[in-house]
Amino acid sequence: MAAVKSDNQHRAPNAPALGLRFLLLAGLSITLLVIDNRENYLDGIRKAIGASVHPLRVVVDAPISTWRWIVETSTSRNDLQLENSRLKAERLLTQARLQKYAALEAENTRLRALLEATPHGSERIRVSEIMSVSANPFRHVVVVDKGSRDGVFDGQAMVDASGVVGQVIDVGLLSSQGILISDPDHALPVEVNRNGLRTIAVGSGDFARLELPFLPNNADIAEGDLLVTSGLGGAFPAGYPVAVVESVTRDPKEPFASVTATPAAALNQVREVMLIWPGEPEGNADDGDSEAADSGTGGNAGPAAAESTDE
């Protein structure tokens, strides 16, 4: 016992103090943060880590996918027949609407040709599945299964069949992170579809509410007004539905009105999103993209674009 105690007392002065090691590690961490913030040197390392974590995300998502597959394959024949009949009826209705939109698009093309205007609305889209959702209640961030290998880029718009969902904030090799429009750190340029009044929609931290904090009391906005993307921010093409005005409160003592809106998309229920490549014709898309654009999910974005073109 005496020998062991003597040996420990002999080694103790040579071991670095715990506080000194903490200071060294903290200094190294701060140095790396500053260097990465200014020069983005660690971007390659982050992408490598994201690529290595991708299989884990697939494994975590596997039970849900397997359960969904089991439920789908065990559906009774009667349910499938009913679903098939409903889908046929919806297909006929959609085709009737598309005929109207096709006529409107042809008319707008002729008018733009007369005005020598540049045509728009030729965005390429691709369907992507949400793999995971951030567990942080104060951050509305999702992970989608498309990355730089698929051509995804920072700031890319994400929409679903009902309206705008969010945009990409971090691109990895096989997957990407996207921020929802309900996140408190997200702001989106919008305009009132009724009169073209432009403003900014800011996330409130609530999936079911957006705020419009920069509208004066005399602004021409009312409950039920549809808010669409204005296209001025550069990330989102113009004309996509964003939200519907829920309440407008005007206080003479305050310079700005208190306006809230309900997002058009069910942000806490969305499972698939559509990534948009603005300004690229659908003819340049690969076969997979064209099929996605022509599918039931991708095709729903067409009416929104046609609606904005008509306006």
C-alpha atoms as a PDB file:
ATOM      1  CA  MET A   1       0.000   0.000   0.000  1.00  0.00           C
ATOM      2  CA  ALA A   2       2.811   2.387   0.805  1.00  0.00           C
ATOM      3  CA  ALA A   3       4.487   1.665  -2.524  1.00  0.00           C
ATOM      4  CA  VAL A   4       1.289   2.305  -4.480  1.00  0.00           C
ATOM      5  CA  LYS A   5       0.619   5.553  -2.617  1.00  0.00           C
ATOM      6  CA  SER A   6       4.169   6.706  -3.203  1.00  0.00           C
ATOM      7  CA  ASP A   7       3.879   5.916  -6.905  1.00  0.00           C
ATOM      8  CA  ASN A   8       0.596   7.896  -7.208  1.00  0.00           C
ATOM      9  CA  GLN A   9       2.130  10.859  -5.432  1.00  0.00           C
ATOM     10  CA  HIS A  10       5.074  10.680  -7.806  1.00  0.00           C
ATOM     11  CA  ARG A  11       2.853  10.720 -10.949  1.00  0.00           C
ATOM     12  CA  ALA A  12       0.377  13.392  -9.821  1.00  0.00           C
ATOM     13  CA  PRO A  13       2.569  16.454 -10.542  1.00  0.00           C
ATOM     14  CA  ASN A  14       3.244  15.232 -14.114  1.00  0.00           C
ATOM     15  CA  ALA A  15      -0.465  14.877 -15.054  1.00  0.00           C
ATOM     16  CA  PRO A  16      -2.006  18.034 -16.608  1.00  0.00           C
ATOM     17  CA  ALA A  17      -4.574  19.767 -14.448  1.00  0.00           C
ATOM     18  CA  LEU A  18      -8.235  19.205 -15.355  1.00  0.00           C
ATOM     19  CA  GLY A  19      -8.848  22.933 -15.623  1.00  0.00           C
ATOM     20  CA  LEU A  20      -5.881  23.364 -17.988  1.00  0.00           C
ATOM     21  CA  ARG A  21      -7.138  20.603 -20.259  1.00  0.00           C
ATOM     22  CA  PHE A  22     -10.597  22.182 -20.306  1.00  0.00           C
ATOM     23  CA  LEU A  23      -9.139  25.575 -21.264  1.00  0.00           C
ATOM     24  CA  LEU A  24      -7.066  24.022 -24.044  1.00  0.00           C
ATOM     25  CA  LEU A  25     -10.047  22.149 -25.487  1.00  0.00           C
ATOM     26  CA  ALA A  26     -12.291  25.227 -25.189  1.00  0.00           C
ATOM     27  CA  GLY A  27      -9.688  27.380 -26.926  1.00  0.00           C
ATOM     28  CA  LEU A  28      -9.325  24.816 -29.706  1.00  0.00           C
ATOM     29  CA  SER A  29     -13.101  24.666 -30.153  1.00  0.00           C
ATOM     30  CA  ILE A  30     -13.452  28.456 -30.353  1.00  0.00           C
ATOM     31  CA  THR A  31     -10.570  28.632 -32.852  1.00  0.00           C
ATOM     32  CA  LEU A  32     -12.202  26.014 -35.085  1.00  0.00           C
ATOM     33  CA  LEU A  33     -15.569  27.822 -34.882  1.00  0.00           C
ATOM     34  CA  VAL A  34     -14.016  31.143 -35.907  1.00  0.00           C
ATOM     35  CA  ILE A  35     -12.016  29.608 -38.760  1.00  0.00           C
ATOM     36  CA  ASP A  36     -15.009  27.645 -40.068  1.00  0.00           C
ATOM     37  CA  ASN A  37     -17.329  30.658 -39.810  1.00  0.00           C
ATOM     38  CA  ARG A  38     -14.973  32.850 -41.875  1.00  0.00           C
ATOM     39  CA  GLU A  39     -13.467  30.427 -44.384  1.00  0.00           C
ATOM     40  CA  ASN A  40     -15.869  27.428 -44.244  1.00  0.00           C
ATOM     41  CA  TYR A  41     -12.926  25.019 -44.028  1.00  0.00           C
ATOM     42  CA  LEU A  42     -14.909  22.316 -42.235  1.00  0.00           C
ATOM     43  CA  ASP A  43     -17.695  22.047 -44.830  1.00  0.00           C
ATOM     44  CA  GLY A  44     -16.121  18.930 -46.334  1.00  0.00           C
ATOM     45  CA  ILE A  45     -15.892  17.289 -42.909  1.00  0.00           C
ATOM     46  CA  ARG A  46     -19.555  18.051 -42.201  1.00  0.00           C
ATOM     47  CA  LYS A  47     -20.591  16.550 -45.518  1.00  0.00           C
ATOM     48  CA  ALA A  48     -18.491  13.457 -44.842  1.00  0.00           C
ATOM     49  CA  ILE A  49     -20.118  13.058 -41.416  1.00  0.00           C
ATOM     50  CA  GLY A  50     -23.553  13.552 -42.986  1.00  0.00           C
ATOM     51  CA  ALA A  51     -22.809  10.866 -45.584  1.00  0.00           C
ATOM     52  CA  SER A  52     -21.641   8.465 -42.859  1.00  0.00           C
ATOM     53  CA  VAL A  53     -24.773   9.139 -40.768  1.00  0.00           C
ATOM     54  CA  HIS A  54     -27.094   8.605 -43.750  1.00  0.00           C
ATOM     55  CA  PRO A  55     -27.209   4.777 -43.347  1.00  0.00           C
ATOM     56  CA  LEU A  56     -28.195   5.270 -39.699  1.00  0.00           C
ATOM     57  CA  ARG A  57     -31.067   7.519 -40.759  1.00  0.00           C
ATOM     58  CA  VAL A  58     -32.172   4.861 -43.232  1.00  0.00           C
ATOM     59  CA  VAL A  59     -32.061   2.230 -40.479  1.00  0.00           C
ATOM     60  CA  VAL A  60     -34.088   4.459 -38.123  1.00  0.00           C
ATOM     61  CA  ASP A  61     -36.650   5.079 -40.865  1.00  0.00           C
ATOM     62  CA  ALA A  62     -36.816   1.377 -41.796  1.00  0.00           C
ATOM     63  CA  PRO A  63     -39.376   0.306 -39.108  1.00  0.00           C
ATOM     64  CA  ILE A  64     -41.809   3.025 -40.189  1.00  0.00           C
ATOM     65  CA  SER A  65     -41.354   2.154 -43.865  1.00  0.00           C
ATOM     66  CA  THR A  66     -41.749  -1.559 -43.113  1.00  0.00           C
ATOM     67  CA  TRP A  67     -44.909  -0.980 -41.091  1.00  0.00           C
ATOM     68  CA  ARG A  68     -46.360   1.204 -43.824  1.00  0.00           C
ATOM     69  CA  TRP A  69     -45.565  -1.497 -46.380  1.00  0.00           C
ATOM     70  CA  ILE A  70     -47.262  -4.161 -44.239  1.00  0.00           C
ATOM     71  CA  VAL A  71     -50.373  -1.994 -43.832  1.00  0.00           C
ATOM     72  CA  GLU A  72     -50.539  -1.282 -47.555  1.00  0.00           C
ATOM     73  CA  THR A  73     -50.088  -4.913 -48.585  1.00  0.00           C
ATOM     74  CA  SER A  74     -52.690  -6.142 -46.080  1.00  0.00           C
ATOM     75  CA  THR A  75     -55.407  -3.811 -47.367  1.00  0.00           C
ATOM     76  CA  SER A  76     -58.513  -5.709 -48.346  1.00  0.00           C
ATOM     77  CA  ARG A  77     -59.609  -6.063 -51.964  1.00  0.00           C
ATOM     78  CA  ASN A  78     -62.805  -4.137 -51.253  1.00  0.00           C
ATOM     79  CA  ASP A  79     -60.879  -1.175 -49.889  1.00  0.00           C
ATOM     80  CA  LEU A  80     -58.645  -1.196 -52.943  1.00  0.00           C
ATOM     81  CA  GLN A  81     -61.669  -1.189 -55.256  1.00  0.00           C
ATOM     82  CA  LEU A  82     -63.213   1.744 -53.389  1.00  0.00           C
ATOM     83  CA  GLU A  83     -59.912   3.620 -53.491  1.00  0.00           C
ATOM     84  CA  ASN A  84     -59.558   2.882 -57.182  1.00  0.00           C
ATOM     85  CA  SER A  85     -63.056   4.229 -57.901  1.00  0.00           C
ATOM     86  CA  ARG A  86     -62.359   7.378 -55.906  1.00  0.00           C
ATOM     87  CA  LEU A  87     -59.083   7.963 -57.682  1.00  0.00           C
ATOM     88  CA  LYS A  88     -60.734   7.523 -61.081  1.00  0.00           C
ATOM     89  CA  ALA A  89     -63.343  10.128 -60.172  1.00  0.00           C
ATOM     90  CA  GLU A  90     -60.639  12.518 -58.956  1.00  0.00           C
ATOM     91  CA  ARG A  91     -58.640  11.875 -62.139  1.00  0.00           C
ATOM     92  CA  LEU A  92     -61.596  12.854 -64.301  1.00  0.00           C
ATOM     93  CA  LEU A  93     -62.117  16.007 -62.245  1.00  0.00           C
ATOM     94  CA  THR A  94     -58.407  16.866 -62.438  1.00  0.00           C
ATOM     95  CA  GLN A  95     -58.376  16.343 -66.197  1.00  0.00           C
ATOM     96  CA  ALA A  96     -61.343  18.691 -66.564  1.00  0.00           C
ATOM     97  CA  ARG A  97     -59.513  21.332 -64.528  1.00  0.00           C
ATOM     98  CA  LEU A  98     -56.301  20.806 -66.470  1.00  0.00           C
ATOM     99  CA  GLN A  99     -58.160  21.505 -69.696  1.00  0.00           C
ATOM    100  CA  LYS A 100     -59.123  24.897 -68.284  1.00  0.00           C
ATOM    101  CA  TYR A 101     -55.564  25.551 -67.092  1.00  0.00           C
ATOM    102  CA  ALA A 102     -54.172  24.516 -70.469  1.00  0.00           C
ATOM    103  CA  ALA A 103     -56.465  27.009 -72.189  1.00  0.00           C
ATOM    104  CA  LEU A 104     -55.437  29.741 -69.739  1.00  0.00           C
ATOM    105  CA  GLU A 105     -51.752  28.933 -70.207  1.00  0.00           C
ATOM    106  CA  ALA A 106     -52.110  29.082 -73.997  1.00  0.00           C
ATOM    107  CA  GLU A 107     -53.908  32.426 -73.716  1.00  0.00           C
ATOM    108  CA  ASN A 108     -51.240  33.837 -71.401  1.00  0.00           C
ATOM    109  CA  THR A 109     -48.514  32.641 -73.770  1.00  0.00           C
ATOM    110  CA  ARG A 110     -50.145  34.521 -76.645  1.00  0.00           C
ATOM    111  CA  LEU A 111     -50.519  37.668 -74.529  1.00  0.00           C
ATOM    112  CA  ARG A 112     -46.904  37.490 -73.366  1.00  0.00           C
ATOM    113  CA  ALA A 113     -45.760  37.068 -76.933  1.00  0.00           C
ATOM    114  CA  LEU A 114     -47.661  40.224 -77.841  1.00  0.00           C
ATOM    115  CA  LEU A 115     -46.093  42.090 -74.932  1.00  0.00           C
ATOM    116  CA  GLU A 116     -42.639  40.617 -75.632  1.00  0.00           C
ATOM    117  CA  ALA A 117     -42.554  39.414 -72.056  1.00  0.00           C
ATOM    118  CA  THR A 118     -40.325  36.657 -70.778  1.00  0.00           C
ATOM    119  CA  PRO A 119     -42.325  33.492 -70.043  1.00  0.00           C
ATOM    120  CA  HIS A 120     -42.035  31.907 -66.635  1.00  0.00           C
ATOM    121  CA  GLY A 121     -43.521  28.961 -64.800  1.00  0.00           C
ATOM    122  CA  SER A 122     -41.180  26.359 -66.346  1.00  0.00           C
ATOM    123  CA  GLU A 123     -39.849  25.131 -63.030  1.00  0.00           C
ATOM    124  CA  ARG A 124     -38.539  21.581 -62.742  1.00  0.00           C
ATOM    125  CA  ILE A 125     -39.644  19.671 -59.676  1.00  0.00           C
ATOM    126  CA  ARG A 126     -38.643  16.447 -57.974  1.00  0.00           C
ATOM    127  CA  VAL A 127     -40.401  14.588 -55.181  1.00  0.00           C
ATOM    128  CA  SER A 128     -38.399  13.958 -52.021  1.00  0.00           C
ATOM    129  CA  GLU A 129     -39.343  12.094 -48.855  1.00  0.00           C
ATOM    130  CA  ILE A 130     -38.860  13.464 -45.345  1.00  0.00           C
ATOM    131  CA  MET A 131     -36.607  11.084 -43.405  1.00  0.00           C
ATOM    132  CA  SER A 132     -36.584  12.687 -39.967  1.00  0.00           C
ATOM    133  CA  VAL A 133     -37.765  15.742 -38.047  1.00  0.00           C
ATOM    134  CA  SER A 134     -35.766  17.731 -35.499  1.00  0.00           C
ATOM    135  CA  ALA A 135     -36.577  16.841 -31.901  1.00  0.00           C
ATOM    136  CA  ASN A 136     -35.916  20.440 -30.799  1.00  0.00           C
ATOM    137  CA  PRO A 137     -39.344  22.049 -30.218  1.00  0.00           C
ATOM    138  CA  PHE A 138     -37.912  25.499 -30.974  1.00  0.00           C
ATOM    139  CA  ARG A 139     -36.446  24.486 -34.358  1.00  0.00           C
ATOM    140  CA  HIS A 140     -38.655  23.309 -37.224  1.00  0.00           C
ATOM    141  CA  VAL A 141     -36.041  21.452 -39.279  1.00  0.00           C
ATOM    142  CA  VAL A 142     -36.488  18.307 -41.385  1.00  0.00           C
ATOM    143  CA  VAL A 143     -34.143  15.975 -43.269  1.00  0.00           C
ATOM    144  CA  VAL A 144     -35.010  14.942 -46.845  1.00  0.00           C
ATOM    145  CA  ASP A 145     -33.555  12.056 -48.825  1.00  0.00           C
ATOM    146  CA  LYS A 146     -32.021  14.133 -51.626  1.00  0.00           C
ATOM    147  CA  GLY A 147     -28.553  15.739 -51.561  1.00  0.00           C
ATOM    148  CA  SER A 148     -25.902  17.342 -53.732  1.00  0.00           C
ATOM    149  CA  ARG A 149     -25.690  14.138 -55.773  1.00  0.00           C
ATOM    150  CA  ASP A 150     -29.263  14.876 -56.918  1.00  0.00           C
ATOM    151  CA  GLY A 151     -28.549  18.544 -57.661  1.00  0.00           C
ATOM    152  CA  VAL A 152     -30.033  19.983 -54.467  1.00  0.00           C
ATOM    153  CA  PHE A 153     -28.666  23.417 -53.530  1.00  0.00           C
ATOM    154  CA  ASP A 154     -28.764  25.733 -50.515  1.00  0.00           C
ATOM    155  CA  GLY A 155     -31.885  27.886 -50.379  1.00  0.00           C
ATOM    156  CA  GLN A 156     -33.887  25.602 -52.678  1.00  0.00           C
ATOM    157  CA  ALA A 157     -37.659  25.870 -52.304  1.00  0.00           C
ATOM    158  CA  MET A 158     -39.714  23.012 -50.867  1.00  0.00           C
ATOM    159  CA  VAL A 159     -43.472  22.803 -51.533  1.00  0.00           C
ATOM    160  CA  ASP A 160     -46.179  20.182 -51.299  1.00  0.00           C
ATOM    161  CA  ALA A 161     -49.576  19.739 -52.943  1.00  0.00           C
ATOM    162  CA  SER A 162     -51.124  22.485 -50.771  1.00  0.00           C
ATOM    163  CA  GLY A 163     -48.453  25.183 -50.699  1.00  0.00           C
ATOM    164  CA  VAL A 164     -44.991  26.244 -49.596  1.00  0.00           C
ATOM    165  CA  VAL A 165     -43.330  24.083 -46.942  1.00  0.00           C
ATOM    166  CA  GLY A 166     -39.858  25.596 -46.488  1.00  0.00           C
ATOM    167  CA  GLN A 167     -36.409  25.699 -48.063  1.00  0.00           C
ATOM    168  CA  VAL A 168     -33.116  23.825 -47.947  1.00  0.00           C
ATOM    169  CA  ILE A 169     -30.504  25.187 -45.526  1.00  0.00           C
ATOM    170  CA  ASP A 170     -27.775  22.529 -45.533  1.00  0.00           C
ATOM    171  CA  VAL A 171     -26.908  20.161 -48.377  1.00  0.00           C
ATOM    172  CA  GLY A 172     -25.150  16.844 -47.819  1.00  0.00           C
ATOM    173  CA  LEU A 173     -24.095  14.243 -50.322  1.00  0.00           C
ATOM    174  CA  LEU A 174     -27.105  11.936 -49.894  1.00  0.00           C
ATOM    175  CA  SER A 175     -29.497  13.999 -47.774  1.00  0.00           C
ATOM    176  CA  SER A 176     -30.257  17.625 -46.947  1.00  0.00           C
ATOM    177  CA  GLN A 177     -31.710  19.674 -44.116  1.00  0.00           C
ATOM    178  CA  GLY A 178     -34.649  21.971 -44.711  1.00  0.00           C
ATOM    179  CA  ILE A 179     -36.199  24.669 -42.535  1.00  0.00           C
ATOM    180  CA  LEU A 180     -39.983  25.013 -42.411  1.00  0.00           C
ATOM    181  CA  ILE A 181     -41.679  28.373 -42.921  1.00  0.00           C
ATOM    182  CA  SER A 182     -43.035  28.110 -39.355  1.00  0.00           C
ATOM    183  CA  ASP A 183     -39.530  28.246 -37.838  1.00  0.00           C
ATOM    184  CA  PRO A 184     -38.968  31.507 -35.896  1.00  0.00           C
ATOM    185  CA  ASP A 185     -35.770  32.163 -37.874  1.00  0.00           C
ATOM    186  CA  HIS A 186     -37.481  31.930 -41.280  1.00  0.00           C
ATOM    187  CA  ALA A 187     -38.890  34.878 -43.229  1.00  0.00           C
ATOM    188  CA  LEU A 188     -40.595  34.680 -46.625  1.00  0.00           C
ATOM    189  CA  PRO A 189     -41.524  37.491 -49.065  1.00  0.00           C
ATOM    190  CA  VAL A 190     -45.236  37.179 -49.870  1.00  0.00           C
ATOM    191  CA  GLU A 191     -47.984  39.198 -51.458  1.00  0.00           C
ATOM    192  CA  VAL A 192     -51.735  39.367 -51.035  1.00  0.00           C
ATOM    193  CA  ASN A 193     -53.272  37.570 -53.980  1.00  0.00           C
ATOM    194  CA  ARG A 194     -56.259  39.910 -54.022  1.00  0.00           C
ATOM    195  CA  ASN A 195     -54.450  43.201 -54.501  1.00  0.00           C
ATOM    196  CA  GLY A 196     -50.715  42.472 -54.827  1.00  0.00           C
ATOM    197  CA  LEU A 197     -49.788  44.018 -51.450  1.00  0.00           C
ATOM    198  CA  ARG A 198     -46.274  42.807 -50.603  1.00  0.00           C
ATOM    199  CA  THR A 199     -44.946  42.021 -47.130  1.00  0.00           C
ATOM    200  CA  ILE A 200     -42.904  39.477 -45.144  1.00  0.00           C
ATOM    201  CA  ALA A 201     -44.308  36.333 -43.486  1.00  0.00           C
ATOM    202  CA  VAL A 202     -42.297  35.286 -40.428  1.00  0.00           C
ATOM    203  CA  GLY A 203     -42.445  31.944 -38.621  1.00  0.00           C
ATOM    204  CA  SER A 204     -43.929  31.999 -35.132  1.00  0.00           C
ATOM    205  CA  GLY A 205     -42.668  28.664 -33.807  1.00  0.00           C
ATOM    206  CA  ASP A 206     -46.186  27.267 -34.214  1.00  0.00           C
ATOM    207  CA  PHE A 207     -46.862  24.920 -37.143  1.00  0.00           C
ATOM    208  CA  ALA A 208     -50.324  26.426 -37.587  1.00  0.00           C
ATOM    209  CA  ARG A 209     -49.479  30.147 -37.475  1.00  0.00           C
ATOM    210  CA  LEU A 210     -47.391  32.683 -39.379  1.00  0.00           C
ATOM    211  CA  GLU A 211     -47.002  36.349 -38.480  1.00  0.00           C
ATOM    212  CA  LEU A 212     -46.942  39.421 -40.721  1.00  0.00           C
ATOM    213  CA  PRO A 213     -45.329  42.020 -38.443  1.00  0.00           C
ATOM    214  CA  PHE A 214     -44.524  44.733 -40.986  1.00  0.00           C
ATOM    215  CA  LEU A 215     -47.960  45.854 -42.181  1.00  0.00           C
ATOM    216  CA  PRO A 216     -49.149  49.368 -41.217  1.00  0.00           C
ATOM    217  CA  ASN A 217     -52.598  49.866 -39.734  1.00  0.00           C
ATOM    218  CA  ASN A 218     -53.991  51.238 -42.994  1.00  0.00           C
ATOM    219  CA  ALA A 219     -52.800  48.275 -45.097  1.00  0.00           C
ATOM    220  CA  ASP A 220     -55.443  46.751 -47.372  1.00  0.00           C
ATOM    221  CA  ILE A 221     -55.558  43.250 -45.910  1.00  0.00           C
ATOM    222  CA  ALA A 222     -58.472  41.282 -44.490  1.00  0.00           C
ATOM    223  CA  GLU A 223     -59.283  37.923 -43.004  1.00  0.00           C
ATOM    224  CA  GLY A 224     -59.450  35.189 -45.618  1.00  0.00           C
ATOM    225  CA  ASP A 225     -56.946  36.807 -48.000  1.00  0.00           C
ATOM    226  CA  LEU A 226     -54.662  34.312 -49.729  1.00  0.00           C
ATOM    227  CA  LEU A 227     -50.929  34.956 -49.413  1.00  0.00           C
ATOM    228  CA  VAL A 228     -48.711  33.725 -52.258  1.00  0.00           C
ATOM    229  CA  THR A 229     -44.990  33.905 -52.911  1.00  0.00           C
ATOM    230  CA  SER A 230     -43.984  37.194 -54.500  1.00  0.00           C
ATOM    231  CA  GLY A 231     -40.838  35.837 -56.149  1.00  0.00           C
ATOM    232  CA  LEU A 232     -38.800  38.812 -54.926  1.00  0.00           C
ATOM    233  CA  GLY A 233     -36.610  36.842 -52.526  1.00  0.00           C
ATOM    234  CA  GLY A 234     -35.100  34.802 -55.340  1.00  0.00           C
ATOM    235  CA  ALA A 235     -35.557  31.430 -53.621  1.00  0.00           C
ATOM    236  CA  PHE A 236     -39.273  30.846 -54.251  1.00  0.00           C
ATOM    237  CA  PRO A 237     -40.928  31.206 -57.675  1.00  0.00           C
ATOM    238  CA  ALA A 238     -43.876  33.582 -57.703  1.00  0.00           C
ATOM    239  CA  GLY A 239     -47.450  32.440 -57.269  1.00  0.00           C
ATOM    240  CA  TYR A 240     -47.180  29.476 -54.877  1.00  0.00           C
ATOM    241  CA  PRO A 241     -49.751  29.505 -52.010  1.00  0.00           C
ATOM    242  CA  VAL A 242     -48.217  30.240 -48.611  1.00  0.00           C
ATOM    243  CA  ALA A 243     -50.996  30.943 -46.100  1.00  0.00           C
ATOM    244  CA  VAL A 244     -54.473  32.359 -45.534  1.00  0.00           C
ATOM    245  CA  VAL A 245     -54.923  35.425 -43.315  1.00  0.00           C
ATOM    246  CA  GLU A 246     -56.522  34.329 -40.063  1.00  0.00           C
ATOM    247  CA  SER A 247     -56.838  37.557 -38.054  1.00  0.00           C
ATOM    248  CA  VAL A 248     -56.154  41.273 -38.460  1.00  0.00           C
ATOM    249  CA  THR A 249     -55.977  43.484 -35.342  1.00  0.00           C
ATOM    250  CA  ARG A 250     -55.444  47.228 -35.711  1.00  0.00           C
ATOM    251  CA  ASP A 251     -54.442  49.232 -32.640  1.00  0.00           C
ATOM    252  CA  PRO A 252     -54.310  53.039 -33.185  1.00  0.00           C
ATOM    253  CA  LYS A 253     -51.548  53.248 -30.568  1.00  0.00           C
ATOM    254  CA  GLU A 254     -49.288  50.914 -32.534  1.00  0.00           C
ATOM    255  CA  PRO A 255     -47.646  51.741 -35.894  1.00  0.00           C
ATOM    256  CA  PHE A 256     -48.174  48.233 -37.279  1.00  0.00           C
ATOM    257  CA  ALA A 257     -51.193  45.963 -37.367  1.00  0.00           C
ATOM    258  CA  SER A 258     -51.107  42.536 -35.742  1.00  0.00           C
ATOM    259  CA  VAL A 259     -51.731  40.048 -38.554  1.00  0.00           C
ATOM    260  CA  THR A 260     -51.569  36.258 -38.321  1.00  0.00           C
ATOM    261  CA  ALA A 261     -52.062  33.660 -41.039  1.00  0.00           C
ATOM    262  CA  THR A 262     -52.564  29.905 -41.271  1.00  0.00           C
ATOM    263  CA  PRO A 263     -50.089  28.051 -43.523  1.00  0.00           C
ATOM    264  CA  ALA A 264     -51.626  26.446 -46.600  1.00  0.00           C
ATOM    265  CA  ALA A 265     -49.592  23.266 -46.045  1.00  0.00           C
ATOM    266  CA  ALA A 266     -50.009  21.005 -43.018  1.00  0.00           C
ATOM    267  CA  LEU A 267     -46.433  21.516 -41.838  1.00  0.00           C
ATOM    268  CA  ASN A 268     -46.617  19.030 -38.966  1.00  0.00           C
ATOM    269  CA  GLN A 269     -48.079  16.253 -41.141  1.00  0.00           C
ATOM    270  CA  VAL A 270     -46.251  16.529 -44.453  1.00  0.00           C
ATOM    271  CA  ARG A 271     -44.390  13.364 -45.492  1.00  0.00           C
ATOM    272  CA  GLU A 272     -43.253  14.171 -49.026  1.00  0.00           C
ATOM    273  CA  VAL A 273     -42.125  17.503 -50.450  1.00  0.00           C
ATOM    274  CA  MET A 274     -41.333  18.745 -53.928  1.00  0.00           C
ATOM    275  CA  LEU A 275     -37.969  20.394 -54.566  1.00  0.00           C
ATOM    276  CA  ILE A 276     -38.097  23.151 -57.181  1.00  0.00           C
ATOM    277  CA  TRP A 277     -35.402  24.083 -59.683  1.00  0.00           C
ATOM    278  CA  PRO A 278     -36.561  27.494 -60.989  1.00  0.00           C
ATOM    279  CA  GLY A 279     -35.997  28.523 -64.576  1.00  0.00           C
ATOM    280  CA  GLU A 280     -35.275  25.025 -65.924  1.00  0.00           C
ATOM    281  CA  PRO A 281     -37.691  23.537 -68.467  1.00  0.00           C
ATOM    282  CA  GLU A 282     -39.203  20.200 -67.633  1.00  0.00           C
ATOM    283  CA  GLY A 283     -37.819  18.863 -70.907  1.00  0.00           C
ATOM    284  CA  ASN A 284     -34.307  19.058 -69.446  1.00  0.00           C
ATOM    285  CA  ALA A 285     -35.216  16.930 -66.468  1.00  0.00           C
ATOM    286  CA  ASP A 286     -34.186  13.307 -66.310  1.00  0.00           C
ATOM    287  CA  ASP A 287     -36.768  10.565 -66.625  1.00  0.00           C
ATOM    288  CA  GLY A 288     -37.211  10.250 -62.881  1.00  0.00           C
ATOM    289  CA  ASP A 289     -37.905  13.968 -62.537  1.00  0.00           C
ATOM    290  CA  SER A 290     -40.372  13.952 -65.427  1.00  0.00           C
ATOM    291  CA  GLU A 291     -42.249  11.052 -63.920  1.00  0.00           C
ATOM    292  CA  ALA A 292     -42.342  12.847 -60.575  1.00  0.00           C
ATOM    293  CA  ALA A 293     -43.620  16.005 -62.225  1.00  0.00           C
ATOM    294  CA  ASP A 294     -46.340  14.060 -64.066  1.00  0.00           C
ATOM    295  CA  SER A 295     -47.321  11.966 -61.039  1.00  0.00           C
ATOM    296  CA  GLY A 296     -50.250  12.762 -58.793  1.00  0.00           C
ATOM    297  CA  THR A 297     -48.081  14.399 -56.144  1.00  0.00           C
ATOM    298  CA  GLY A 298     -45.950  16.464 -58.470  1.00  0.00           C
ATOM    299  CA  GLY A 299     -48.822  17.416 -60.750  1.00  0.00           C
ATOM    300  CA  ASN A 300     -50.623  19.248 -57.984  1.00  0.00           C
ATOM    301  CA  ALA A 301     -48.078  22.026 -58.139  1.00  0.00           C
ATOM    302  CA  GLY A 302     -49.222  22.794 -61.654  1.00  0.00           C
ATOM    303  CA  PRO A 303     -52.490  24.503 -60.713  1.00  0.00           C
ATOM    304  CA  ALA A 304     -50.650  26.820 -58.340  1.00  0.00           C
ATOM    305  CA  ALA A 305     -48.225  27.863 -61.046  1.00  0.00           C
ATOM    306  CA  ALA A 306     -51.021  28.166 -63.583  1.00  0.00           C
ATOM    307  CA  GLU A 307     -53.035  30.210 -61.132  1.00  0.00           C
ATOM    308  CA  SER A 308     -50.190  32.679 -60.700  1.00  0.00           C
ATOM    309  CA  THR A 309     -49.701  32.849 -64.480  1.00  0.00           C
ATOM    310  CA  ASP A 310     -53.364  33.593 -64.942  1.00  0.00           C
ATOM    311  CA  GLU A 311     -53.160  36.433 -62.482  1.00  0.00           C
END
